[in-house]
C-alpha atoms as a PDB file:
ATOM      1  CA  UNK A   1     -18.137 -80.190  62.079  1.00  0.00           C
ATOM      2  CA  UNK A   2     -15.338 -78.792  64.164  1.00  0.00           C
ATOM      3  CA  UNK A   3     -14.241 -76.486  61.327  1.00  0.00           C
ATOM      4  CA  UNK A   4     -17.815 -75.219  60.944  1.00  0.00           C
ATOM      5  CA  UNK A   5     -18.037 -74.419  64.659  1.00  0.00           C
ATOM      6  CA  UNK A   6     -14.745 -72.523  64.482  1.00  0.00           C
ATOM      7  CA  UNK A   7     -15.936 -70.588  61.428  1.00  0.00           C
ATOM      8  CA  UNK A   8     -19.135 -69.545  63.169  1.00  0.00           C
ATOM      9  CA  UNK A   9     -17.156 -68.207  66.137  1.00  0.00           C
ATOM     10  CA  UNK A  10     -14.605 -66.387  64.004  1.00  0.00           C
ATOM     11  CA  UNK A  11     -16.876 -64.908  61.352  1.00  0.00           C
ATOM     12  CA  UNK A  12     -20.112 -64.201  63.199  1.00  0.00           C
ATOM     13  CA  UNK A  13     -21.686 -60.850  62.342  1.00  0.00           C
ATOM     14  CA  UNK A  14     -22.352 -58.382  65.160  1.00  0.00           C
ATOM     15  CA  UNK A  15     -22.914 -54.655  65.563  1.00  0.00           C
ATOM     16  CA  UNK A  16     -20.272 -52.328  66.942  1.00  0.00           C
ATOM     17  CA  UNK A  17     -18.595 -52.031  69.356  1.00  0.00           C
ATOM     18  CA  UNK A  18     -16.948 -55.333  68.600  1.00  0.00           C
ATOM     19  CA  UNK A  19     -14.271 -55.109  71.289  1.00  0.00           C
ATOM     20  CA  UNK A  20     -14.463 -52.885  74.362  1.00  0.00           C
ATOM     21  CA  UNK A  21     -11.253 -51.264  75.557  1.00  0.00           C
ATOM     22  CA  UNK A  22     -12.435 -51.236  79.157  1.00  0.00           C
ATOM     23  CA  UNK A  23     -12.445 -47.452  79.345  1.00  0.00           C
ATOM     24  CA  UNK A  24     -15.525 -45.888  80.943  1.00  0.00           C
ATOM     25  CA  UNK A  25     -16.578 -42.351  81.762  1.00  0.00           C
ATOM     26  CA  UNK A  26     -16.365 -43.165  85.449  1.00  0.00           C
ATOM     27  CA  UNK A  27     -12.752 -44.332  85.117  1.00  0.00           C
ATOM     28  CA  UNK A  28     -11.861 -41.246  83.081  1.00  0.00           C
ATOM     29  CA  UNK A  29     -13.393 -38.979  85.713  1.00  0.00           C
ATOM     30  CA  UNK A  30     -11.561 -40.799  88.501  1.00  0.00           C
ATOM     31  CA  UNK A  31      -8.295 -40.182  86.671  1.00  0.00           C
ATOM     32  CA  UNK A  32      -9.284 -36.518  86.254  1.00  0.00           C
ATOM     33  CA  UNK A  33     -10.018 -36.249  89.969  1.00  0.00           C
ATOM     34  CA  UNK A  34      -6.611 -37.749  90.662  1.00  0.00           C
ATOM     35  CA  UNK A  35      -5.048 -35.187  88.290  1.00  0.00           C
ATOM     36  CA  UNK A  36      -6.666 -32.217  90.044  1.00  0.00           C
ATOM     37  CA  UNK A  37      -5.942 -33.527  93.537  1.00  0.00           C
ATOM     38  CA  UNK A  38      -2.579 -31.665  93.716  1.00  0.00           C
ATOM     39  CA  UNK A  39      -4.376 -28.464  92.706  1.00  0.00           C
ATOM     40  CA  UNK A  40      -6.937 -28.981  95.461  1.00  0.00           C
ATOM     41  CA  UNK A  41      -4.196 -29.606  98.008  1.00  0.00           C
ATOM     42  CA  UNK A  42      -2.227 -26.506  97.022  1.00  0.00           C
ATOM     43  CA  UNK A  43      -5.367 -24.350  97.011  1.00  0.00           C
ATOM     44  CA  UNK A  44      -6.115 -25.445 100.569  1.00  0.00           C
ATOM     45  CA  UNK A  45      -2.506 -24.781 101.559  1.00  0.00           C
ATOM     46  CA  UNK A  46      -2.611 -21.259 100.091  1.00  0.00           C
ATOM     47  CA  UNK A  47      -6.125 -20.156 101.080  1.00  0.00           C
ATOM     48  CA  UNK A  48      -7.005 -22.431 103.985  1.00  0.00           C
ATOM     49  CA  UNK A  49     -10.556 -23.165 105.082  1.00  0.00           C
ATOM     50  CA  UNK A  50     -11.993 -20.626 102.624  1.00  0.00           C
ATOM     51  CA  UNK A  51     -10.855 -22.822  99.739  1.00  0.00           C
ATOM     52  CA  UNK A  52     -12.397 -25.921 101.323  1.00  0.00           C
ATOM     53  CA  UNK A  53     -15.769 -24.197 101.668  1.00  0.00           C
ATOM     54  CA  UNK A  54     -15.881 -22.990  98.054  1.00  0.00           C
ATOM     55  CA  UNK A  55     -14.833 -26.349  96.586  1.00  0.00           C
ATOM     56  CA  UNK A  56     -17.191 -28.287  98.850  1.00  0.00           C
ATOM     57  CA  UNK A  57     -20.210 -26.157  97.958  1.00  0.00           C
ATOM     58  CA  UNK A  58     -19.397 -26.272  94.240  1.00  0.00           C
ATOM     59  CA  UNK A  59     -18.920 -30.050  94.134  1.00  0.00           C
ATOM     60  CA  UNK A  60     -21.965 -30.788  96.293  1.00  0.00           C
ATOM     61  CA  UNK A  61     -24.231 -28.409  94.379  1.00  0.00           C
ATOM     62  CA  UNK A  62     -23.147 -29.780  91.006  1.00  0.00           C
ATOM     63  CA  UNK A  63     -23.976 -33.373  91.976  1.00  0.00           C
ATOM     64  CA  UNK A  64     -27.295 -32.504  93.631  1.00  0.00           C
ATOM     65  CA  UNK A  65     -28.431 -30.165  90.838  1.00  0.00           C
ATOM     66  CA  UNK A  66     -27.719 -32.782  88.191  1.00  0.00           C
ATOM     67  CA  UNK A  67     -29.602 -35.438  90.161  1.00  0.00           C
ATOM     68  CA  UNK A  68     -32.642 -33.172  90.672  1.00  0.00           C
ATOM     69  CA  UNK A  69     -32.808 -32.105  87.027  1.00  0.00           C
ATOM     70  CA  UNK A  70     -32.393 -35.690  85.840  1.00  0.00           C
ATOM     71  CA  UNK A  71     -35.277 -36.665  88.116  1.00  0.00           C
ATOM     72  CA  UNK A  72     -37.458 -33.958  86.590  1.00  0.00           C
ATOM     73  CA  UNK A  73     -36.406 -34.989  83.078  1.00  0.00           C
ATOM     74  CA  UNK A  74     -37.043 -38.674  83.922  1.00  0.00           C
ATOM     75  CA  UNK A  75     -33.465 -39.594  83.070  1.00  0.00           C
ATOM     76  CA  UNK A  76     -31.432 -42.299  84.741  1.00  0.00           C
ATOM     77  CA  UNK A  77     -29.168 -40.793  87.439  1.00  0.00           C
ATOM     78  CA  UNK A  78     -25.500 -40.507  86.491  1.00  0.00           C
ATOM     79  CA  UNK A  79     -24.034 -39.073  89.677  1.00  0.00           C
ATOM     80  CA  UNK A  80     -21.841 -42.132  90.069  1.00  0.00           C
ATOM     81  CA  UNK A  81     -19.805 -41.243  86.955  1.00  0.00           C
ATOM     82  CA  UNK A  82     -18.310 -38.266  88.880  1.00  0.00           C
ATOM     83  CA  UNK A  83     -18.504 -35.932  85.864  1.00  0.00           C
ATOM     84  CA  UNK A  84     -20.672 -33.431  87.756  1.00  0.00           C
ATOM     85  CA  UNK A  85     -18.219 -33.444  90.660  1.00  0.00           C
ATOM     86  CA  UNK A  86     -15.300 -32.780  88.297  1.00  0.00           C
ATOM     87  CA  UNK A  87     -17.128 -29.896  86.626  1.00  0.00           C
ATOM     88  CA  UNK A  88     -18.031 -28.469  90.031  1.00  0.00           C
ATOM     89  CA  UNK A  89     -14.405 -28.477  91.148  1.00  0.00           C
ATOM     90  CA  UNK A  90     -13.175 -26.981  87.864  1.00  0.00           C
ATOM     91  CA  UNK A  91     -15.770 -24.241  88.276  1.00  0.00           C
ATOM     92  CA  UNK A  92     -14.569 -23.604  91.833  1.00  0.00           C
ATOM     93  CA  UNK A  93     -11.005 -23.279  90.537  1.00  0.00           C
ATOM     94  CA  UNK A  94     -12.081 -20.155  88.627  1.00  0.00           C
ATOM     95  CA  UNK A  95     -13.504 -18.376  91.685  1.00  0.00           C
ATOM     96  CA  UNK A  96     -11.864 -16.346  94.460  1.00  0.00           C
ATOM     97  CA  UNK A  97     -11.368 -18.283  97.678  1.00  0.00           C
ATOM     98  CA  UNK A  98     -13.622 -15.826  99.525  1.00  0.00           C
ATOM     99  CA  UNK A  99     -16.585 -16.136  97.155  1.00  0.00           C
ATOM    100  CA  UNK A 100     -19.831 -16.136  99.188  1.00  0.00           C
ATOM    101  CA  UNK A 101     -21.551 -19.507  99.492  1.00  0.00           C
ATOM    102  CA  UNK A 102     -24.790 -18.323  97.887  1.00  0.00           C
ATOM    103  CA  UNK A 103     -22.925 -17.200  94.775  1.00  0.00           C
ATOM    104  CA  UNK A 104     -21.020 -20.477  94.527  1.00  0.00           C
ATOM    105  CA  UNK A 105     -24.279 -22.432  94.811  1.00  0.00           C
ATOM    106  CA  UNK A 106     -26.096 -20.245  92.297  1.00  0.00           C
ATOM    107  CA  UNK A 107     -23.209 -20.249  89.819  1.00  0.00           C
ATOM    108  CA  UNK A 108     -22.794 -24.019  90.048  1.00  0.00           C
ATOM    109  CA  UNK A 109     -26.514 -24.542  89.494  1.00  0.00           C
ATOM    110  CA  UNK A 110     -26.397 -22.303  86.420  1.00  0.00           C
ATOM    111  CA  UNK A 111     -23.357 -24.223  85.195  1.00  0.00           C
ATOM    112  CA  UNK A 112     -25.103 -27.597  85.448  1.00  0.00           C
ATOM    113  CA  UNK A 113     -28.475 -26.471  84.090  1.00  0.00           C
ATOM    114  CA  UNK A 114     -27.332 -24.164  81.280  1.00  0.00           C
ATOM    115  CA  UNK A 115     -24.015 -25.834  80.527  1.00  0.00           C
ATOM    116  CA  UNK A 116     -25.039 -29.498  80.753  1.00  0.00           C
ATOM    117  CA  UNK A 117     -28.673 -30.457  81.283  1.00  0.00           C
ATOM    118  CA  UNK A 118     -30.214 -28.104  78.710  1.00  0.00           C
ATOM    119  CA  UNK A 119     -28.315 -30.119  76.120  1.00  0.00           C
ATOM    120  CA  UNK A 120     -29.185 -33.501  77.595  1.00  0.00           C
ATOM    121  CA  UNK A 121     -26.339 -33.905  80.058  1.00  0.00           C
ATOM    122  CA  UNK A 122     -22.607 -34.432  80.006  1.00  0.00           C
ATOM    123  CA  UNK A 123     -21.313 -35.095  76.511  1.00  0.00           C
ATOM    124  CA  UNK A 124     -23.980 -33.086  74.726  1.00  0.00           C
ATOM    125  CA  UNK A 125     -23.058 -29.503  75.582  1.00  0.00           C
ATOM    126  CA  UNK A 126     -21.497 -27.342  72.844  1.00  0.00           C
ATOM    127  CA  UNK A 127     -19.815 -25.135  75.468  1.00  0.00           C
ATOM    128  CA  UNK A 128     -17.441 -25.705  78.369  1.00  0.00           C
ATOM    129  CA  UNK A 129     -19.776 -25.818  81.376  1.00  0.00           C
ATOM    130  CA  UNK A 130     -17.352 -24.426  84.040  1.00  0.00           C
ATOM    131  CA  UNK A 131     -16.450 -21.501  81.762  1.00  0.00           C
ATOM    132  CA  UNK A 132     -20.142 -20.793  81.161  1.00  0.00           C
ATOM    133  CA  UNK A 133     -20.878 -20.807  84.890  1.00  0.00           C
ATOM    134  CA  UNK A 134     -18.049 -18.345  85.533  1.00  0.00           C
ATOM    135  CA  UNK A 135     -19.242 -16.087  82.710  1.00  0.00           C
ATOM    136  CA  UNK A 136     -22.737 -15.914  84.211  1.00  0.00           C
ATOM    137  CA  UNK A 137     -21.307 -14.803  87.558  1.00  0.00           C
ATOM    138  CA  UNK A 138     -18.815 -12.373  86.009  1.00  0.00           C
ATOM    139  CA  UNK A 139     -21.579 -10.605  84.108  1.00  0.00           C
ATOM    140  CA  UNK A 140     -24.136 -10.686  86.936  1.00  0.00           C
ATOM    141  CA  UNK A 141     -21.934  -9.940  89.984  1.00  0.00           C
ATOM    142  CA  UNK A 142     -18.603  -8.613  88.672  1.00  0.00           C
ATOM    143  CA  UNK A 143     -17.540  -7.194  92.046  1.00  0.00           C
ATOM    144  CA  UNK A 144     -17.837 -10.595  93.732  1.00  0.00           C
ATOM    145  CA  UNK A 145     -15.771 -12.299  91.026  1.00  0.00           C
ATOM    146  CA  UNK A 146     -13.101  -9.570  91.041  1.00  0.00           C
ATOM    147  CA  UNK A 147     -10.010 -11.265  92.429  1.00  0.00           C
ATOM    148  CA  UNK A 148      -8.268  -8.025  93.359  1.00  0.00           C
ATOM    149  CA  UNK A 149     -11.192  -6.860  95.480  1.00  0.00           C
ATOM    150  CA  UNK A 150     -12.199 -10.191  97.004  1.00  0.00           C
ATOM    151  CA  UNK A 151      -8.756 -11.243  98.253  1.00  0.00           C
ATOM    152  CA  UNK A 152      -7.826  -8.189 100.315  1.00  0.00           C
ATOM    153  CA  UNK A 153      -7.224 -10.285 103.450  1.00  0.00           C
ATOM    154  CA  UNK A 154      -3.976 -11.533 101.900  1.00  0.00           C
ATOM    155  CA  UNK A 155      -1.060  -9.123 101.634  1.00  0.00           C
ATOM    156  CA  UNK A 156      -0.173 -10.085  98.057  1.00  0.00           C
ATOM    157  CA  UNK A 157      -1.015  -8.809  94.590  1.00  0.00           C
ATOM    158  CA  UNK A 158      -3.107 -10.305  91.816  1.00  0.00           C
ATOM    159  CA  UNK A 159      -0.794  -9.863  88.791  1.00  0.00           C
ATOM    160  CA  UNK A 160      -3.374  -9.558  86.002  1.00  0.00           C
ATOM    161  CA  UNK A 161      -5.447  -6.989  87.908  1.00  0.00           C
ATOM    162  CA  UNK A 162      -2.310  -4.984  88.680  1.00  0.00           C
ATOM    163  CA  UNK A 163      -1.353  -5.073  84.999  1.00  0.00           C
ATOM    164  CA  UNK A 164      -4.826  -4.048  83.834  1.00  0.00           C
ATOM    165  CA  UNK A 165      -5.335  -1.160  86.260  1.00  0.00           C
ATOM    166  CA  UNK A 166      -1.810   0.097  87.023  1.00  0.00           C
ATOM    167  CA  UNK A 167       0.334  -0.874  84.056  1.00  0.00           C
ATOM    168  CA  UNK A 168       3.494  -2.860  83.507  1.00  0.00           C
ATOM    169  CA  UNK A 169       5.471  -1.209  86.329  1.00  0.00           C
ATOM    170  CA  UNK A 170       3.050  -2.644  88.892  1.00  0.00           C
ATOM    171  CA  UNK A 171       4.147  -6.202  88.107  1.00  0.00           C
ATOM    172  CA  UNK A 172       7.889  -5.544  87.862  1.00  0.00           C
ATOM    173  CA  UNK A 173       8.479  -7.628  91.010  1.00  0.00           C
ATOM    174  CA  UNK A 174       6.486 -10.611  89.692  1.00  0.00           C
ATOM    175  CA  UNK A 175       8.803 -13.347  88.451  1.00  0.00           C
ATOM    176  CA  UNK A 176       7.964 -16.389  86.318  1.00  0.00           C
ATOM    177  CA  UNK A 177       8.983 -18.628  89.211  1.00  0.00           C
ATOM    178  CA  UNK A 178       6.580 -16.909  91.599  1.00  0.00           C
ATOM    179  CA  UNK A 179       3.778 -17.370  89.055  1.00  0.00           C
ATOM    180  CA  UNK A 180       4.660 -21.018  88.560  1.00  0.00           C
ATOM    181  CA  UNK A 181       4.672 -21.701  92.304  1.00  0.00           C
ATOM    182  CA  UNK A 182       1.423 -19.808  92.918  1.00  0.00           C
ATOM    183  CA  UNK A 183       3.002 -17.230  95.205  1.00  0.00           C
ATOM    184  CA  UNK A 184       0.679 -14.469  93.990  1.00  0.00           C
ATOM    185  CA  UNK A 185      -3.049 -14.040  94.429  1.00  0.00           C
ATOM    186  CA  UNK A 186      -5.388 -15.505  91.866  1.00  0.00           C
ATOM    187  CA  UNK A 187      -8.377 -17.738  91.345  1.00  0.00           C
ATOM    188  CA  UNK A 188      -8.643 -20.525  93.880  1.00  0.00           C
ATOM    189  CA  UNK A 189      -7.221 -23.308  91.713  1.00  0.00           C
ATOM    190  CA  UNK A 190      -6.216 -21.589  88.499  1.00  0.00           C
ATOM    191  CA  UNK A 191      -3.311 -19.820  90.216  1.00  0.00           C
ATOM    192  CA  UNK A 192      -1.653 -23.123  91.195  1.00  0.00           C
ATOM    193  CA  UNK A 193       0.275 -23.262  87.921  1.00  0.00           C
ATOM    194  CA  UNK A 194       2.802 -25.984  88.724  1.00  0.00           C
ATOM    195  CA  UNK A 195       0.171 -28.349  90.129  1.00  0.00           C
ATOM    196  CA  UNK A 196      -1.980 -27.809  87.046  1.00  0.00           C
ATOM    197  CA  UNK A 197       0.942 -28.691  84.774  1.00  0.00           C
ATOM    198  CA  UNK A 198       1.545 -31.864  86.777  1.00  0.00           C
ATOM    199  CA  UNK A 199      -2.119 -32.816  86.551  1.00  0.00           C
ATOM    200  CA  UNK A 200      -2.260 -32.017  82.851  1.00  0.00           C
ATOM    201  CA  UNK A 201       0.852 -34.076  82.175  1.00  0.00           C
ATOM    202  CA  UNK A 202      -0.752 -37.001  83.996  1.00  0.00           C
ATOM    203  CA  UNK A 203      -3.903 -36.807  81.859  1.00  0.00           C
ATOM    204  CA  UNK A 204      -1.831 -36.631  78.679  1.00  0.00           C
ATOM    205  CA  UNK A 205       0.273 -39.605  79.767  1.00  0.00           C
ATOM    206  CA  UNK A 206      -2.928 -41.594  80.302  1.00  0.00           C
ATOM    207  CA  UNK A 207      -4.224 -40.621  76.874  1.00  0.00           C
ATOM    208  CA  UNK A 208      -7.261 -38.823  78.321  1.00  0.00           C
ATOM    209  CA  UNK A 209      -6.128 -35.487  76.878  1.00  0.00           C
ATOM    210  CA  UNK A 210      -4.435 -35.385  73.494  1.00  0.00           C
ATOM    211  CA  UNK A 211      -1.625 -32.887  73.064  1.00  0.00           C
ATOM    212  CA  UNK A 212      -3.091 -31.007  70.092  1.00  0.00           C
ATOM    213  CA  UNK A 213      -5.338 -28.567  71.973  1.00  0.00           C
ATOM    214  CA  UNK A 214      -3.121 -27.833  75.029  1.00  0.00           C
ATOM    215  CA  UNK A 215       0.006 -27.263  72.947  1.00  0.00           C
ATOM    216  CA  UNK A 216      -1.692 -25.171  70.256  1.00  0.00           C
ATOM    217  CA  UNK A 217      -3.548 -23.130  72.903  1.00  0.00           C
ATOM    218  CA  UNK A 218      -0.327 -22.316  74.740  1.00  0.00           C
ATOM    219  CA  UNK A 219       1.335 -21.573  71.396  1.00  0.00           C
ATOM    220  CA  UNK A 220      -1.447 -19.105  70.594  1.00  0.00           C
ATOM    221  CA  UNK A 221      -0.914 -17.341  73.915  1.00  0.00           C
ATOM    222  CA  UNK A 222       2.847 -17.190  73.388  1.00  0.00           C
ATOM    223  CA  UNK A 223       2.677 -16.002  69.765  1.00  0.00           C
ATOM    224  CA  UNK A 224       0.045 -13.318  70.370  1.00  0.00           C
ATOM    225  CA  UNK A 225       1.776 -12.213  73.573  1.00  0.00           C
ATOM    226  CA  UNK A 226       5.098 -11.991  71.754  1.00  0.00           C
ATOM    227  CA  UNK A 227       3.584  -9.862  68.969  1.00  0.00           C
ATOM    228  CA  UNK A 228       2.178  -7.308  71.417  1.00  0.00           C
ATOM    229  CA  UNK A 229       5.324  -7.321  73.537  1.00  0.00           C
ATOM    230  CA  UNK A 230       7.447  -6.816  70.401  1.00  0.00           C
ATOM    231  CA  UNK A 231       5.300  -3.854  69.310  1.00  0.00           C
ATOM    232  CA  UNK A 232       5.770  -2.059  72.650  1.00  0.00           C
ATOM    233  CA  UNK A 233       7.658  -3.847  75.446  1.00  0.00           C
ATOM    234  CA  UNK A 234       7.078  -0.843  77.723  1.00  0.00           C
ATOM    235  CA  UNK A 235       3.304  -1.267  77.508  1.00  0.00           C
ATOM    236  CA  UNK A 236       2.609  -4.976  77.037  1.00  0.00           C
ATOM    237  CA  UNK A 237       3.703  -7.811  79.317  1.00  0.00           C
ATOM    238  CA  UNK A 238       5.941 -10.646  78.164  1.00  0.00           C
ATOM    239  CA  UNK A 239       4.353 -13.772  76.665  1.00  0.00           C
ATOM    240  CA  UNK A 240       5.743 -15.870  79.532  1.00  0.00           C
ATOM    241  CA  UNK A 241       3.830 -13.708  82.010  1.00  0.00           C
ATOM    242  CA  UNK A 242       0.580 -14.351  80.128  1.00  0.00           C
ATOM    243  CA  UNK A 243       1.385 -18.045  79.890  1.00  0.00           C
ATOM    244  CA  UNK A 244       1.814 -18.493  83.649  1.00  0.00           C
ATOM    245  CA  UNK A 245      -0.742 -16.003  84.981  1.00  0.00           C
ATOM    246  CA  UNK A 246      -4.480 -16.227  85.443  1.00  0.00           C
ATOM    247  CA  UNK A 247      -6.295 -19.358  84.316  1.00  0.00           C
ATOM    248  CA  UNK A 248      -4.232 -19.912  81.151  1.00  0.00           C
ATOM    249  CA  UNK A 249      -2.802 -23.280  82.181  1.00  0.00           C
ATOM    250  CA  UNK A 250      -6.080 -24.476  83.676  1.00  0.00           C
ATOM    251  CA  UNK A 251      -7.739 -23.726  80.349  1.00  0.00           C
ATOM    252  CA  UNK A 252      -5.006 -25.450  78.356  1.00  0.00           C
ATOM    253  CA  UNK A 253      -5.231 -28.804  80.128  1.00  0.00           C
ATOM    254  CA  UNK A 254      -8.754 -28.972  81.547  1.00  0.00           C
ATOM    255  CA  UNK A 255     -11.179 -26.470  79.976  1.00  0.00           C
ATOM    256  CA  UNK A 256     -10.232 -26.130  76.315  1.00  0.00           C
ATOM    257  CA  UNK A 257     -10.137 -29.943  75.762  1.00  0.00           C
ATOM    258  CA  UNK A 258     -13.673 -30.246  77.219  1.00  0.00           C
ATOM    259  CA  UNK A 259     -14.897 -33.313  75.284  1.00  0.00           C
ATOM    260  CA  UNK A 260     -18.224 -32.194  73.845  1.00  0.00           C
ATOM    261  CA  UNK A 261     -17.225 -28.618  72.994  1.00  0.00           C
ATOM    262  CA  UNK A 262     -13.911 -29.187  71.209  1.00  0.00           C
ATOM    263  CA  UNK A 263     -13.147 -30.550  67.719  1.00  0.00           C
ATOM    264  CA  UNK A 264     -12.305 -34.182  67.088  1.00  0.00           C
ATOM    265  CA  UNK A 265      -9.899 -34.046  64.127  1.00  0.00           C
ATOM    266  CA  UNK A 266      -6.221 -33.143  64.442  1.00  0.00           C
ATOM    267  CA  UNK A 267      -6.053 -30.015  62.289  1.00  0.00           C
ATOM    268  CA  UNK A 268      -9.312 -28.595  63.695  1.00  0.00           C
ATOM    269  CA  UNK A 269      -7.987 -29.215  67.215  1.00  0.00           C
ATOM    270  CA  UNK A 270      -4.782 -27.327  66.412  1.00  0.00           C
ATOM    271  CA  UNK A 271      -6.700 -24.384  64.924  1.00  0.00           C
ATOM    272  CA  UNK A 272      -9.213 -24.419  67.767  1.00  0.00           C
ATOM    273  CA  UNK A 273      -6.500 -24.298  70.420  1.00  0.00           C
ATOM    274  CA  UNK A 274      -4.453 -21.626  68.663  1.00  0.00           C
ATOM    275  CA  UNK A 275      -7.537 -19.455  68.134  1.00  0.00           C
ATOM    276  CA  UNK A 276      -8.447 -19.726  71.810  1.00  0.00           C
ATOM    277  CA  UNK A 277      -4.911 -18.773  72.862  1.00  0.00           C
ATOM    278  CA  UNK A 278      -4.889 -15.700  70.645  1.00  0.00           C
ATOM    279  CA  UNK A 279      -8.282 -14.644  71.985  1.00  0.00           C
ATOM    280  CA  UNK A 280      -6.917 -14.763  75.541  1.00  0.00           C
ATOM    281  CA  UNK A 281      -4.350 -12.074  74.726  1.00  0.00           C
ATOM    282  CA  UNK A 282      -6.852  -9.957  72.774  1.00  0.00           C
ATOM    283  CA  UNK A 283      -9.377 -10.026  75.617  1.00  0.00           C
ATOM    284  CA  UNK A 284      -6.712  -9.235  78.210  1.00  0.00           C
ATOM    285  CA  UNK A 285      -5.444  -6.346  76.093  1.00  0.00           C
ATOM    286  CA  UNK A 286      -8.705  -4.716  75.028  1.00  0.00           C
ATOM    287  CA  UNK A 287     -11.385  -6.177  77.310  1.00  0.00           C
ATOM    288  CA  UNK A 288     -12.597  -4.947  80.671  1.00  0.00           C
ATOM    289  CA  UNK A 289     -11.757  -8.216  82.421  1.00  0.00           C
ATOM    290  CA  UNK A 290      -8.176  -8.670  83.675  1.00  0.00           C
ATOM    291  CA  UNK A 291      -8.150 -12.382  82.785  1.00  0.00           C
ATOM    292  CA  UNK A 292     -11.027 -13.211  80.483  1.00  0.00           C
ATOM    293  CA  UNK A 293      -9.798 -16.742  79.682  1.00  0.00           C
ATOM    294  CA  UNK A 294     -13.287 -18.275  80.165  1.00  0.00           C
ATOM    295  CA  UNK A 295     -14.668 -15.834  77.591  1.00  0.00           C
ATOM    296  CA  UNK A 296     -11.938 -16.880  75.151  1.00  0.00           C
ATOM    297  CA  UNK A 297     -12.922 -20.521  75.737  1.00  0.00           C
ATOM    298  CA  UNK A 298     -16.581 -19.802  75.046  1.00  0.00           C
ATOM    299  CA  UNK A 299     -15.737 -17.899  71.853  1.00  0.00           C
ATOM    300  CA  UNK A 300     -13.632 -20.826  70.684  1.00  0.00           C
ATOM    301  CA  UNK A 301     -16.507 -23.197  71.540  1.00  0.00           C
ATOM    302  CA  UNK A 302     -18.819 -21.207  69.279  1.00  0.00           C
ATOM    303  CA  UNK A 303     -16.381 -21.758  66.417  1.00  0.00           C
ATOM    304  CA  UNK A 304     -16.048 -25.510  66.983  1.00  0.00           C
ATOM    305  CA  UNK A 305     -18.647 -26.425  64.300  1.00  0.00           C
ATOM    306  CA  UNK A 306     -16.668 -24.354  61.786  1.00  0.00           C
ATOM    307  CA  UNK A 307     -13.382 -26.011  62.708  1.00  0.00           C
ATOM    308  CA  UNK A 308     -15.032 -29.430  62.478  1.00  0.00           C
ATOM    309  CA  UNK A 309     -15.849 -28.760  58.827  1.00  0.00           C
ATOM    310  CA  UNK A 310     -12.159 -29.276  58.121  1.00  0.00           C
ATOM    311  CA  UNK A 311     -12.045 -33.045  57.781  1.00  0.00           C
ATOM    312  CA  UNK A 312      -9.742 -35.491  56.063  1.00  0.00           C
ATOM    313  CA  UNK A 313     -10.965 -36.827  52.749  1.00  0.00           C
ATOM    314  CA  UNK A 314     -12.479 -40.304  52.856  1.00  0.00           C
ATOM    315  CA  UNK A 315     -10.373 -43.102  51.442  1.00  0.00           C
ATOM    316  CA  UNK A 316     -10.772 -43.059  47.681  1.00  0.00           C
ATOM    317  CA  UNK A 317     -12.607 -39.709  47.705  1.00  0.00           C
ATOM    318  CA  UNK A 318     -11.752 -36.687  45.598  1.00  0.00           C
END
């Protein structure tokens, strides 16, 4: 009898998941908030109260908009998983610190509705929601998203705008160290390069972000930047400049690996990241936007279904 009882416990049939790892979306988002905390702190240090206002409006609007839309869609509220708050802060990181409150609210609402809720909520969107929200604002109100024009109260330069409008000589005084330490103007959070690297390294150490997309994305930026710089070093900036400027690092660690809009297999992730990195350089070189990283992310998102077609063969398959 005892052996039969043991057999029933050991060999009982049940549906998956058979063993839960303990990981939850809420825990993952709390770790992500912890990872971006240094970025938030440095943004406040650099831009003061203006940064607090933009981040507060973006985070608050994201949570409230999701709750309202879920109420209208008769879905269970998920505000306590903090995913809307994370997306709101990532969206704020792409904006100038002096962005008007109405634009932050409107852009965040568009981000949540068009980038999340239209597809059922977090985890169902085929595009990176913060990048989509920024793209809507950049197309609708380009002057208010222009970093060079919106940050005139600070006596510094925005490197990518200087490069786009005045050429390579205009950024001759910009050093890699100054870019890494965020000593130049830029988007509220995206310009805090060192803090982003620290946060990204934390997420990778926790296993929340796998290395395939960040590394291949940065490799794409470096390779494409090197090609253009090799063709004409008097016209095109160095690949290191492109790596450390704009929202390149923010995209590598936080936006490109957006769970629902990126591939799941290793080779597709490598191709996806590399493609996105190359598109960053192409858009910066030929596009009208000085940075254009969010557009590169969205283009890569559109190609995700194609990359996902590359799958390993099933065991025993031909």
